[in-house]
Amino acid sequence: MSKHQKQLEKYADLALKKGVNLQRGQGLIINAPIEAAELVRTISAKAYGRGAKNVHLEWNDEVLSFMKMKNAPMEVLENFPKWKAEGLEEMVKDGYALLSIYGPNPDLFKGIDSERIAKANKASGEALTKYRDYIMNDKTTWSIIAYPQEAWAQKVFPDDSPEKAQDKLWEQIFHITRIDQEDPIQAWEEHNEKLRQAREYLNQKQYKKLHYKGPGTELSIELVQNHIWHGGSTTSEKGTEFNPNIPTEEVFTMPHKTGVQGKVTSTKPLNYGGNLIENFTLTFENGKVVDYQAESGEETLKHLLESDDGAKRLGEVALVPNESPISKSGHIFYNTLYDENASCHLALGKAYPTNIRGGSSFNKEQMDSHGVNDSLIHEDFMMGSKELDIDGETKEGEFEAIFRKGSWAIEFE
């Protein structure tokens, strides 16, 4: 039995009750690394205990993934298996919930030609378009939680032995996800309520634009008309409340795809496709990236931006106060799920249709006319800091403080 067994039991309960909120008679897809087998078995046992009709596992092994990315012919990387895409699509159409257990090695594909990674990512993006549409439109419940794989743990705690690094990262995960509290479920209900207050305030305001000022950042972002701020828990098409991300500290909405002007500088590394992009700057004109630089990983950034036309535009704007538990930890996690919840961030690529009124039923022409960005990718990058100020511009052209020095300038209960 694992020394973390008690916490793993609570973590599994949280993933099923507050994460995907699995219902009796519903199926569950779990994406997981093979290292997480013990956690997966714990979750699966509890899922069947809640009345799940089936638990389907999609295992991944980073060692084998590296071998394939290094050695497989390009024609294999450029062709995602049709049978696999259709199988996943069939399950989400049947109402399966999706739980992803995430904790990749940030340096997994270091040294691999970034073009090979880009081709493989594009192939999977195209093949899984319908499957991902179910997720991004909340047609079923879905959630992402973390698992401290050894390579990830050693990246965060490089001076420790593999075992000690993993233990330290578990401690961080249990603290940040509120598992170390007496009643994690109650703690999450209270946390969701705070995020609800923030998003309702912003939804009432309906700001026309957001203006950002910080080190290396001077950016204005127009928001789509009838935009919707989400954050914390949300509701599926069938009315089931769930938490897409555990942890989460953000409220987020939709930028207009042609309404971004100025320059933004990253504040944390971006792990994209097993390679790190660090200290990068993007310059936007009329919503599109027209120039970019990166201190490291610039070739990877280039391939990311060239994924398709929508990859050079923003699909999400998210607000996270600098005093979030992840930020307070003082660690860089080299993991988007964690680092994005330490810092205000933006996302290149596809917008969530649920962030605009009626968006889930829009066709491509309606999406385009409303300024909704579409892409095969959706990549969050961190640009918040304790020096960041954000103002909201009203429809009348007045400016109101939203963030000052990285924290809310608005009082919530």
Protein backbone atom coordinates (compact mmCIF):
# COMPACT_ATOMS: atom_id res chain seq x y z
CA MET A 1 0.00 0.00 0.00
CA SER A 2 1.30 3.45 -0.91
CA LYS A 3 2.36 5.80 1.88
CA HIS A 4 0.04 8.31 0.20
CA GLN A 5 -2.92 5.91 0.12
CA LYS A 6 -5.17 7.99 2.39
CA GLN A 7 -4.55 11.15 0.34
CA LEU A 8 -4.95 9.21 -2.93
CA GLU A 9 -8.38 8.04 -1.77
CA LYS A 10 -9.41 11.65 -1.11
CA TYR A 11 -7.83 12.77 -4.42
CA ALA A 12 -9.81 10.10 -6.29
CA ASP A 13 -13.03 11.18 -4.54
CA LEU A 14 -12.36 14.80 -5.50
CA ALA A 15 -11.70 13.89 -9.15
CA LEU A 16 -14.97 11.94 -9.39
CA LYS A 17 -17.25 14.15 -7.26
CA LYS A 18 -16.03 17.67 -8.06
CA GLY A 19 -13.97 16.98 -11.19
CA VAL A 20 -16.08 15.00 -13.68
CA ASN A 21 -19.02 14.57 -11.23
CA LEU A 22 -19.58 11.03 -12.50
CA GLN A 23 -23.24 9.97 -12.58
CA ARG A 24 -24.70 6.50 -12.10
CA GLY A 25 -24.88 4.66 -15.44
CA GLN A 26 -22.30 6.94 -17.08
CA GLY A 27 -19.09 5.69 -18.68
CA LEU A 28 -15.65 7.13 -17.90
CA ILE A 29 -12.58 7.56 -20.10
CA ILE A 30 -9.30 7.94 -18.20
CA ASN A 31 -6.17 9.21 -19.99
CA ALA A 32 -3.18 8.37 -17.81
CA PRO A 33 0.55 7.69 -17.74
CA ILE A 34 1.47 4.11 -16.82
CA GLU A 35 3.30 5.46 -13.75
CA ALA A 36 -0.09 6.45 -12.32
CA ALA A 37 -1.47 2.88 -12.30
CA GLU A 38 -2.11 2.88 -8.52
CA LEU A 39 -4.08 6.14 -8.70
CA VAL A 40 -5.98 4.92 -11.78
CA ARG A 41 -6.99 1.71 -9.99
CA THR A 42 -8.17 3.73 -6.97
CA ILE A 43 -10.24 6.04 -9.21
CA SER A 44 -11.64 3.11 -11.22
CA ALA A 45 -12.76 1.25 -8.08
CA LYS A 46 -14.51 4.35 -6.81
CA ALA A 47 -16.05 5.00 -10.25
CA TYR A 48 -17.61 1.53 -10.33
CA GLY A 49 -18.71 2.12 -6.73
CA ARG A 50 -20.57 5.23 -7.95
CA GLY A 51 -22.35 3.14 -10.58
CA ALA A 52 -20.15 3.70 -13.63
CA LYS A 53 -21.17 1.41 -16.49
CA ASN A 54 -17.60 1.18 -17.83
CA VAL A 55 -14.14 2.63 -17.21
CA HIS A 56 -12.07 2.84 -20.40
CA LEU A 57 -8.31 3.39 -20.05
CA GLU A 58 -6.08 5.22 -22.51
CA TRP A 59 -2.56 4.54 -21.21
CA ASN A 60 0.50 6.44 -22.33
CA ASP A 61 4.18 5.68 -21.83
CA GLU A 62 6.64 8.54 -22.33
CA VAL A 63 9.55 6.20 -23.08
CA LEU A 64 7.61 4.64 -25.96
CA SER A 65 6.35 8.08 -27.07
CA PHE A 66 9.97 9.27 -27.30
CA MET A 67 10.98 6.18 -29.29
CA LYS A 68 8.16 6.75 -31.75
CA MET A 69 8.81 10.47 -32.14
CA LYS A 70 12.50 9.80 -32.77
CA ASN A 71 12.31 6.74 -35.02
CA ALA A 72 8.93 6.45 -36.76
CA PRO A 73 8.70 7.47 -40.44
CA MET A 74 7.17 10.92 -40.98
CA GLU A 75 4.17 9.30 -42.74
CA VAL A 76 3.28 7.58 -39.46
CA LEU A 77 3.54 10.82 -37.46
CA GLU A 78 1.39 12.62 -40.04
CA ASN A 79 -1.44 10.07 -39.80
CA PHE A 80 -3.33 9.67 -36.54
CA PRO A 81 -5.19 6.30 -36.39
CA LYS A 82 -8.71 6.82 -37.67
CA TRP A 83 -10.07 3.91 -35.60
CA LYS A 84 -8.82 5.51 -32.39
CA ALA A 85 -10.36 8.92 -33.13
CA GLU A 86 -13.69 7.30 -34.05
CA GLY A 87 -13.66 5.16 -30.89
CA LEU A 88 -13.13 8.15 -28.60
CA GLU A 89 -15.76 10.13 -30.49
CA GLU A 90 -18.24 7.27 -30.13
CA MET A 91 -17.74 7.17 -26.35
CA VAL A 92 -18.23 10.90 -25.72
CA LYS A 93 -21.33 10.82 -27.96
CA ASP A 94 -22.57 8.10 -25.62
CA GLY A 95 -22.10 10.47 -22.68
CA TYR A 96 -18.79 9.19 -21.31
CA ALA A 97 -17.04 11.59 -18.95
CA LEU A 98 -13.35 12.27 -19.54
CA LEU A 99 -10.68 12.40 -16.83
CA SER A 100 -7.13 13.25 -17.88
CA ILE A 101 -4.28 12.55 -15.46
CA TYR A 102 -1.52 14.92 -16.46
CA GLY A 103 2.12 15.31 -15.49
CA PRO A 104 4.40 15.09 -18.51
CA ASN A 105 8.17 15.36 -18.55
CA PRO A 106 8.76 19.00 -19.63
CA ASP A 107 11.92 17.95 -21.50
CA LEU A 108 10.47 14.77 -23.04
CA PHE A 109 11.25 15.59 -26.66
CA LYS A 110 14.33 17.72 -26.11
CA GLY A 111 16.65 17.20 -29.06
CA ILE A 112 13.88 15.88 -31.34
CA ASP A 113 13.33 17.86 -34.56
CA SER A 114 10.50 20.27 -33.67
CA GLU A 115 8.98 19.79 -37.15
CA ARG A 116 8.31 16.11 -36.37
CA ILE A 117 6.52 17.10 -33.16
CA ALA A 118 4.54 19.79 -34.99
CA LYS A 119 3.42 17.32 -37.69
CA ALA A 120 2.29 14.77 -35.09
CA ASN A 121 0.42 17.42 -33.09
CA LYS A 122 -1.34 18.67 -36.22
CA ALA A 123 -2.35 15.13 -37.23
CA SER A 124 -3.88 14.38 -33.82
CA GLY A 125 -5.53 17.82 -33.74
CA GLU A 126 -7.24 17.23 -37.08
CA ALA A 127 -8.27 13.64 -36.32
CA LEU A 128 -9.68 14.49 -32.87
CA THR A 129 -11.56 17.66 -33.90
CA LYS A 130 -15.06 16.24 -33.29
CA TYR A 131 -13.99 14.55 -30.05
CA ARG A 132 -12.47 17.78 -28.72
CA ASP A 133 -15.55 19.76 -29.78
CA TYR A 134 -17.57 17.65 -27.33
CA ILE A 135 -15.14 18.61 -24.58
CA MET A 136 -14.77 22.32 -25.43
CA ASN A 137 -18.55 22.74 -25.74
CA ASP A 138 -19.16 20.97 -22.39
CA LYS A 139 -21.39 18.41 -24.09
CA THR A 140 -20.08 15.99 -21.48
CA THR A 141 -18.24 16.43 -18.18
CA TRP A 142 -14.45 16.46 -18.18
CA SER A 143 -11.60 17.25 -15.85
CA ILE A 144 -7.80 17.34 -15.62
CA ILE A 145 -5.81 16.41 -12.52
CA ALA A 146 -2.05 16.03 -12.03
CA TYR A 147 0.21 13.09 -11.22
CA PRO A 148 3.87 13.70 -10.23
CA GLN A 149 5.70 11.51 -12.71
CA GLU A 150 9.34 11.08 -11.74
CA ALA A 151 10.83 13.18 -14.57
CA TRP A 152 8.42 16.06 -13.88
CA ALA A 153 9.12 15.93 -10.13
CA GLN A 154 12.87 16.07 -10.75
CA LYS A 155 12.44 19.08 -13.04
CA VAL A 156 10.66 20.95 -10.21
CA PHE A 157 13.04 19.69 -7.48
CA PRO A 158 16.33 19.05 -9.32
CA ASP A 159 18.49 18.80 -6.18
CA ASP A 160 16.55 15.90 -4.66
CA SER A 161 16.58 12.16 -5.29
CA PRO A 162 13.78 10.89 -7.57
CA GLU A 163 11.83 9.49 -4.60
CA LYS A 164 12.20 12.63 -2.49
CA ALA A 165 11.32 14.88 -5.44
CA GLN A 166 8.15 12.87 -6.05
CA ASP A 167 7.19 13.07 -2.37
CA LYS A 168 7.72 16.84 -2.39
CA LEU A 169 5.61 17.26 -5.51
CA TRP A 170 2.85 15.10 -4.01
CA GLU A 171 2.86 17.41 -0.98
CA GLN A 172 2.48 20.44 -3.27
CA ILE A 173 -0.34 18.78 -5.24
CA PHE A 174 -2.23 17.77 -2.09
CA HIS A 175 -1.90 21.29 -0.66
CA ILE A 176 -2.80 23.16 -3.85
CA THR A 177 -5.83 20.93 -4.57
CA ARG A 178 -6.98 21.28 -0.91
CA ILE A 179 -6.63 17.53 -0.28
CA ASP A 180 -4.72 18.35 2.94
CA GLN A 181 -7.81 20.07 4.35
CA GLU A 182 -10.20 18.18 6.62
CA ASP A 183 -13.03 18.19 4.07
CA PRO A 184 -11.67 18.80 0.53
CA ILE A 185 -15.14 18.61 -1.03
CA GLN A 186 -16.46 21.38 1.23
CA ALA A 187 -13.29 23.41 0.63
CA TRP A 188 -13.90 23.18 -3.12
CA GLU A 189 -17.52 24.26 -2.74
CA GLU A 190 -16.34 27.40 -0.92
CA HIS A 191 -13.61 28.02 -3.52
CA ASN A 192 -16.09 27.64 -6.39
CA GLU A 193 -18.33 30.21 -4.69
CA LYS A 194 -15.50 32.79 -4.63
CA LEU A 195 -14.80 32.25 -8.32
CA ARG A 196 -18.54 32.51 -9.03
CA GLN A 197 -18.61 35.98 -7.44
CA ALA A 198 -15.69 37.15 -9.60
CA ARG A 199 -17.17 35.87 -12.86
CA GLU A 200 -20.64 37.27 -12.08
CA TYR A 201 -19.16 40.71 -11.38
CA LEU A 202 -17.33 40.67 -14.73
CA ASN A 203 -20.36 39.29 -16.59
CA GLN A 204 -22.45 42.20 -15.31
CA LYS A 205 -19.77 44.71 -16.35
CA GLN A 206 -19.43 43.42 -19.95
CA TYR A 207 -16.22 45.39 -20.51
CA LYS A 208 -15.50 46.32 -24.12
CA LYS A 209 -11.73 45.95 -23.73
CA LEU A 210 -9.07 44.95 -21.23
CA HIS A 211 -5.81 46.95 -21.03
CA TYR A 212 -2.66 45.32 -19.63
CA LYS A 213 0.52 46.99 -18.37
CA GLY A 214 3.49 45.14 -16.92
CA PRO A 215 7.18 44.44 -17.54
CA GLY A 216 7.52 43.88 -21.30
CA THR A 217 3.73 44.00 -21.70
CA GLU A 218 1.52 46.75 -23.06
CA LEU A 219 -1.52 45.10 -24.57
CA SER A 220 -5.17 45.88 -25.30
CA ILE A 221 -7.66 43.05 -25.81
CA GLU A 222 -11.14 43.61 -27.20
CA LEU A 223 -13.71 41.16 -25.84
CA VAL A 224 -16.45 39.72 -28.05
CA GLN A 225 -19.95 41.11 -27.63
CA ASN A 226 -22.09 39.02 -25.27
CA HIS A 227 -19.00 37.35 -23.86
CA ILE A 228 -19.37 35.08 -20.83
CA TRP A 229 -16.83 34.78 -18.03
CA HIS A 230 -16.41 31.27 -16.63
CA GLY A 231 -14.36 30.04 -13.69
CA GLY A 232 -14.39 27.32 -11.06
CA SER A 233 -17.22 24.92 -11.70
CA THR A 234 -19.32 24.96 -14.85
CA THR A 235 -22.36 23.05 -16.13
CA SER A 236 -22.54 20.46 -18.89
CA GLU A 237 -25.12 20.44 -21.66
CA LYS A 238 -27.17 17.98 -19.57
CA GLY A 239 -27.02 20.25 -16.50
CA THR A 240 -24.33 18.44 -14.49
CA GLU A 241 -22.01 20.73 -12.51
CA PHE A 242 -18.30 19.86 -12.79
CA ASN A 243 -14.79 21.32 -12.40
CA PRO A 244 -12.80 21.10 -15.66
CA ASN A 245 -9.47 21.79 -13.92
CA ILE A 246 -8.21 20.68 -10.52
CA PRO A 247 -6.61 22.95 -9.43
CA THR A 248 -8.19 26.11 -10.80
CA GLU A 249 -7.81 29.71 -9.69
CA GLU A 250 -8.91 31.49 -12.89
CA VAL A 251 -11.85 33.28 -14.40
CA PHE A 252 -11.66 33.41 -18.18
CA THR A 253 -13.48 34.67 -21.26
CA MET A 254 -13.21 35.20 -25.01
CA PRO A 255 -11.14 37.85 -26.81
CA HIS A 256 -12.24 39.07 -30.24
CA LYS A 257 -9.95 37.36 -32.72
CA THR A 258 -9.14 40.60 -34.56
CA GLY A 259 -9.14 42.91 -31.51
CA VAL A 260 -5.71 42.35 -29.89
CA GLN A 261 -3.08 45.10 -30.17
CA GLY A 262 0.37 45.52 -28.64
CA LYS A 263 3.07 43.44 -27.01
CA VAL A 264 3.02 40.72 -24.35
CA THR A 265 5.95 39.04 -22.60
CA SER A 266 5.77 35.62 -20.93
CA THR A 267 6.53 35.30 -17.21
CA LYS A 268 6.84 31.50 -16.96
CA PRO A 269 8.13 28.79 -19.32
CA LEU A 270 5.66 27.16 -21.74
CA ASN A 271 5.95 23.39 -22.11
CA TYR A 272 4.77 22.65 -25.65
CA GLY A 273 5.06 19.17 -27.11
CA GLY A 274 7.84 18.11 -24.74
CA ASN A 275 9.96 21.22 -25.35
CA LEU A 276 10.25 24.38 -23.24
CA ILE A 277 9.76 27.87 -24.68
CA GLU A 278 11.20 30.47 -22.30
CA ASN A 279 11.13 34.26 -21.99
CA PHE A 280 9.23 34.95 -25.18
CA THR A 281 7.52 38.07 -26.52
CA LEU A 282 4.60 38.25 -28.96
CA THR A 283 3.60 41.38 -30.89
CA PHE A 284 -0.02 41.63 -32.06
CA GLU A 285 -1.63 43.76 -34.76
CA ASN A 286 -5.36 43.46 -35.42
CA GLY A 287 -5.45 40.27 -33.38
CA LYS A 288 -2.61 38.48 -35.18
CA VAL A 289 0.96 37.74 -34.05
CA VAL A 290 3.17 39.70 -36.46
CA ASP A 291 6.48 39.30 -34.60
CA TYR A 292 7.93 37.04 -31.90
CA GLN A 293 11.17 36.32 -30.06
CA ALA A 294 12.13 33.67 -27.49
CA GLU A 295 15.22 33.34 -25.31
CA SER A 296 15.04 29.57 -25.81
CA GLY A 297 12.73 27.31 -27.80
CA GLU A 298 12.14 29.87 -30.58
CA GLU A 299 11.97 27.14 -33.25
CA THR A 300 9.30 25.34 -31.20
CA LEU A 301 7.39 28.63 -30.84
CA LYS A 302 7.60 29.11 -34.61
CA HIS A 303 6.04 25.69 -35.26
CA LEU A 304 3.33 26.35 -32.66
CA LEU A 305 2.39 29.64 -34.37
CA GLU A 306 2.42 27.98 -37.79
CA SER A 307 0.04 25.16 -36.74
CA ASP A 308 -2.75 26.90 -38.70
CA ASP A 309 -4.19 30.40 -39.27
CA GLY A 310 -5.89 30.52 -35.86
CA ALA A 311 -2.71 29.64 -33.96
CA LYS A 312 -1.46 33.24 -34.33
CA ARG A 313 -4.58 34.63 -32.61
CA LEU A 314 -5.90 34.48 -29.05
CA GLY A 315 -8.74 32.21 -27.96
CA GLU A 316 -8.79 32.90 -24.21
CA VAL A 317 -8.01 35.60 -21.68
CA ALA A 318 -7.76 34.49 -18.02
CA LEU A 319 -7.39 36.41 -14.76
CA VAL A 320 -5.56 34.84 -11.80
CA PRO A 321 -4.53 36.79 -8.67
CA ASN A 322 -0.85 36.69 -7.77
CA GLU A 323 -1.69 35.42 -4.26
CA SER A 324 -3.08 32.11 -5.56
CA PRO A 325 -1.78 29.02 -3.65
CA ILE A 326 0.33 28.00 -6.66
CA SER A 327 1.94 31.41 -6.89
CA LYS A 328 2.53 31.43 -3.12
CA SER A 329 4.36 28.09 -3.38
CA GLY A 330 7.22 29.94 -5.06
CA HIS A 331 7.80 27.09 -7.52
CA ILE A 332 7.79 27.05 -11.30
CA PHE A 333 6.03 23.79 -12.14
CA TYR A 334 6.87 23.59 -15.88
CA ASN A 335 3.32 22.28 -16.25
CA THR A 336 0.52 24.34 -17.80
CA LEU A 337 -2.23 23.00 -15.49
CA TYR A 338 -0.32 24.33 -12.49
CA ASP A 339 1.55 27.35 -13.84
CA GLU A 340 -1.55 28.80 -15.55
CA ASN A 341 -3.24 28.87 -12.15
CA ALA A 342 -0.38 30.84 -10.64
CA SER A 343 -0.59 33.68 -13.12
CA CYS A 344 -2.81 35.67 -15.44
CA HIS A 345 -2.55 34.01 -18.81
CA LEU A 346 -3.67 34.04 -22.42
CA ALA A 347 -4.21 31.19 -24.86
CA LEU A 348 -3.23 31.01 -28.48
CA GLY A 349 -5.65 29.15 -30.73
CA LYS A 350 -9.17 27.84 -30.38
CA ALA A 351 -11.69 29.70 -28.23
CA TYR A 352 -14.16 27.90 -25.97
CA PRO A 353 -17.56 28.37 -27.68
CA THR A 354 -19.17 28.45 -24.21
CA ASN A 355 -17.51 31.85 -23.60
CA ILE A 356 -20.03 33.65 -25.84
CA ARG A 357 -23.80 33.63 -25.59
CA GLY A 358 -25.17 30.95 -27.95
CA GLY A 359 -21.67 29.94 -29.05
CA SER A 360 -22.15 26.19 -28.64
CA SER A 361 -24.66 26.23 -31.50
CA PHE A 362 -22.66 28.54 -33.85
CA ASN A 363 -21.62 27.25 -37.25
CA LYS A 364 -18.27 28.30 -38.74
CA GLU A 365 -19.71 31.39 -40.45
CA GLN A 366 -21.37 32.57 -37.23
CA MET A 367 -18.18 31.98 -35.26
CA ASP A 368 -16.23 34.06 -37.75
CA SER A 369 -18.75 36.92 -37.81
CA HIS A 370 -18.77 37.11 -33.99
CA GLY A 371 -14.95 37.12 -33.74
CA VAL A 372 -14.63 33.59 -32.30
CA ASN A 373 -11.16 32.18 -33.05
CA ASP A 374 -10.84 28.64 -34.38
CA SER A 375 -7.71 26.50 -34.48
CA LEU A 376 -6.41 22.96 -34.03
CA ILE A 377 -4.48 24.15 -30.97
CA HIS A 378 -5.29 25.77 -27.64
CA GLU A 379 -2.10 26.65 -25.75
CA ASP A 380 -2.10 28.68 -22.53
CA PHE A 381 0.92 30.82 -21.72
CA MET A 382 1.61 32.77 -18.54
CA MET A 383 2.10 36.54 -18.59
CA GLY A 384 0.97 37.64 -15.12
CA SER A 385 3.21 38.98 -12.35
CA LYS A 386 3.06 41.05 -9.17
CA GLU A 387 3.73 44.13 -11.35
CA LEU A 388 0.75 43.58 -13.68
CA ASP A 389 -2.04 46.19 -13.84
CA ILE A 390 -5.28 45.54 -15.77
CA ASP A 391 -8.03 48.05 -16.54
CA GLY A 392 -11.45 47.34 -17.97
CA GLU A 393 -12.78 49.76 -20.59
CA THR A 394 -16.53 50.26 -20.49
CA LYS A 395 -18.73 50.72 -23.55
CA GLU A 396 -18.72 54.44 -22.72
CA GLY A 397 -14.91 54.53 -22.91
CA GLU A 398 -14.28 54.84 -19.17
CA PHE A 399 -11.42 52.91 -17.52
CA GLU A 400 -11.93 50.92 -14.29
CA ALA A 401 -9.25 49.12 -12.26
CA ILE A 402 -9.55 45.31 -12.30
CA PHE A 403 -6.04 44.29 -11.21
CA ARG A 404 -3.38 46.32 -9.42
CA LYS A 405 0.09 44.88 -8.77
CA GLY A 406 -1.06 41.41 -9.81
CA SER A 407 -4.10 41.22 -7.51
CA TRP A 408 -7.80 42.01 -7.70
CA ALA A 409 -8.60 45.72 -7.35
CA ILE A 410 -12.22 44.67 -6.72
CA GLU A 411 -13.63 43.65 -3.33
CA PHE A 412 -15.47 40.33 -3.19
CA GLU A 413 -17.22 38.81 -0.16
